[in-house]
C-alpha atoms as a PDB file:
ATOM      1  CA  MET A   1     118.005  88.008 105.949  1.00  0.00           C
ATOM      2  CA  LEU A   2     121.144  88.535 103.912  1.00  0.00           C
ATOM      3  CA  ARG A   3     123.297  87.888 106.975  1.00  0.00           C
ATOM      4  CA  TRP A   4     121.547  84.582 107.621  1.00  0.00           C
ATOM      5  CA  ALA A   5     121.851  83.615 103.947  1.00  0.00           C
ATOM      6  CA  ILE A   6     125.600  84.212 104.038  1.00  0.00           C
ATOM      7  CA  ILE A   7     126.002  82.329 107.341  1.00  0.00           C
ATOM      8  CA  CYS A   8     124.098  79.323 105.952  1.00  0.00           C
ATOM      9  CA  LEU A   9     126.139  79.439 102.752  1.00  0.00           C
ATOM     10  CA  VAL A  10     129.402  79.367 104.700  1.00  0.00           C
ATOM     11  CA  ILE A  11     128.151  76.477 106.839  1.00  0.00           C
ATOM     12  CA  SER A  12     127.117  74.661 103.670  1.00  0.00           C
ATOM     13  CA  LEU A  13     130.542  75.117 102.088  1.00  0.00           C
ATOM     14  CA  ILE A  14     132.365  73.951 105.234  1.00  0.00           C
ATOM     15  CA  ALA A  15     130.049  70.941 105.649  1.00  0.00           C
ATOM     16  CA  GLY A  16     130.471  70.055 101.984  1.00  0.00           C
ATOM     17  CA  GLY A  17     134.243  70.281 102.291  1.00  0.00           C
ATOM     18  CA  LEU A  18     134.205  67.971 105.297  1.00  0.00           C
ATOM     19  CA  GLY A  19     131.956  65.460 103.511  1.00  0.00           C
ATOM     20  CA  PHE A  20     128.694  66.077 105.359  1.00  0.00           C
ATOM     21  CA  THR A  21     126.546  66.162 102.242  1.00  0.00           C
ATOM     22  CA  GLY A  22     123.209  65.972 104.058  1.00  0.00           C
ATOM     23  CA  ILE A  23     123.956  69.003 106.210  1.00  0.00           C
ATOM     24  CA  SER A  24     125.472  70.789 103.218  1.00  0.00           C
ATOM     25  CA  GLY A  25     122.379  70.258 101.093  1.00  0.00           C
ATOM     26  CA  PHE A  26     120.024  71.389 103.851  1.00  0.00           C
ATOM     27  CA  THR A  27     121.951  74.572 104.615  1.00  0.00           C
ATOM     28  CA  LYS A  28     122.283  75.314 100.895  1.00  0.00           C
ATOM     29  CA  ARG A  29     118.515  75.145 100.523  1.00  0.00           C
ATOM     30  CA  LEU A  30     118.060  77.254 103.637  1.00  0.00           C
ATOM     31  CA  SER A  31     120.517  79.804 102.305  1.00  0.00           C
ATOM     32  CA  MET A  32     118.632  80.022  99.015  1.00  0.00           C
ATOM     33  CA  ILE A  33     115.339  80.565 100.849  1.00  0.00           C
ATOM     34  CA  PHE A  34     116.830  83.326 103.015  1.00  0.00           C
ATOM     35  CA  PHE A  35     118.328  85.014  99.955  1.00  0.00           C
ATOM     36  CA  ALA A  36     115.032  84.816  98.070  1.00  0.00           C
ATOM     37  CA  LEU A  37     113.207  86.425 101.022  1.00  0.00           C
ATOM     38  CA  PHE A  38     115.871  89.132 101.211  1.00  0.00           C
ATOM     39  CA  PHE A  39     115.630  89.813  97.483  1.00  0.00           C
ATOM     40  CA  ILE A  40     111.832  89.970  97.491  1.00  0.00           C
ATOM     41  CA  GLY A  41     111.922  92.383 100.426  1.00  0.00           C
ATOM     42  CA  PHE A  42     114.538  94.490  98.640  1.00  0.00           C
ATOM     43  CA  LEU A  43     112.404  94.694  95.494  1.00  0.00           C
ATOM     44  CA  ILE A  44     109.325  95.679  97.524  1.00  0.00           C
ATOM     45  CA  LEU A  45     111.235  98.462  99.296  1.00  0.00           C
ATOM     46  CA  LEU A  46     112.688  99.620  95.980  1.00  0.00           C
ATOM     47  CA  GLY A  47     109.176  99.779  94.546  1.00  0.00           C
ATOM     48  CA  PHE A  48     107.915 101.790  97.514  1.00  0.00           C
ATOM     49  CA  ALA A  49     110.836 104.197  97.160  1.00  0.00           C
ATOM     50  CA  TYR A  50     110.056 104.642  93.471  1.00  0.00           C
ATOM     51  CA  LEU A  51     106.398 105.375  94.276  1.00  0.00           C
ATOM     52  CA  VAL A  52     107.283 107.880  97.000  1.00  0.00           C
ATOM     53  CA  VAL A  53     109.764 109.739  94.784  1.00  0.00           C
ATOM     54  CA  GLY A  54     107.222 109.779  91.956  1.00  0.00           C
ATOM     55  CA  ALA A  55     104.504 111.118  94.248  1.00  0.00           C
ATOM     56  CA  THR A  56     106.644 113.856  95.789  1.00  0.00           C
ATOM     57  CA  ALA A  57     108.134 114.992  92.484  1.00  0.00           C
ATOM     58  CA  HIS A  58     104.706 115.695  90.962  1.00  0.00           C
ATOM     59  CA  PRO A  59     104.372 119.452  90.162  1.00  0.00           C
ATOM     60  CA  ALA A  60     100.756 119.725  91.349  1.00  0.00           C
ATOM     61  CA  LEU A  61     101.736 118.236  94.685  1.00  0.00           C
ATOM     62  CA  ALA A  62     104.627 120.690  95.055  1.00  0.00           C
ATOM     63  CA  SER A  63     102.315 123.664  94.587  1.00  0.00           C
ATOM     64  CA  ALA A  64      99.773 122.188  97.017  1.00  0.00           C
ATOM     65  CA  ILE A  65     102.474 121.703  99.644  1.00  0.00           C
ATOM     66  CA  ALA A  66     103.695 125.262  99.097  1.00  0.00           C
ATOM     67  CA  ALA A  67     100.139 126.609  99.476  1.00  0.00           C
ATOM     68  CA  ILE A  68      99.613 124.697 102.708  1.00  0.00           C
ATOM     69  CA  SER A  69     102.927 125.730 104.248  1.00  0.00           C
ATOM     70  CA  THR A  70     102.397 129.507 103.770  1.00  0.00           C
END
């Protein structure tokens, strides 16, 4: 998603520089939507990573895993 956001942003800047304001506005909006989707996905993955680290760092879980593995 980030790649598409950057591509749309570059197209928007080029179109704006050439005077195509309609195309520039559309690709700017599209770029913002792609970036928002990327950012939401990033935050969700960051939250999952935090939950996984919190679950595996729990002392009771560590002793349970050690008991199962021996």
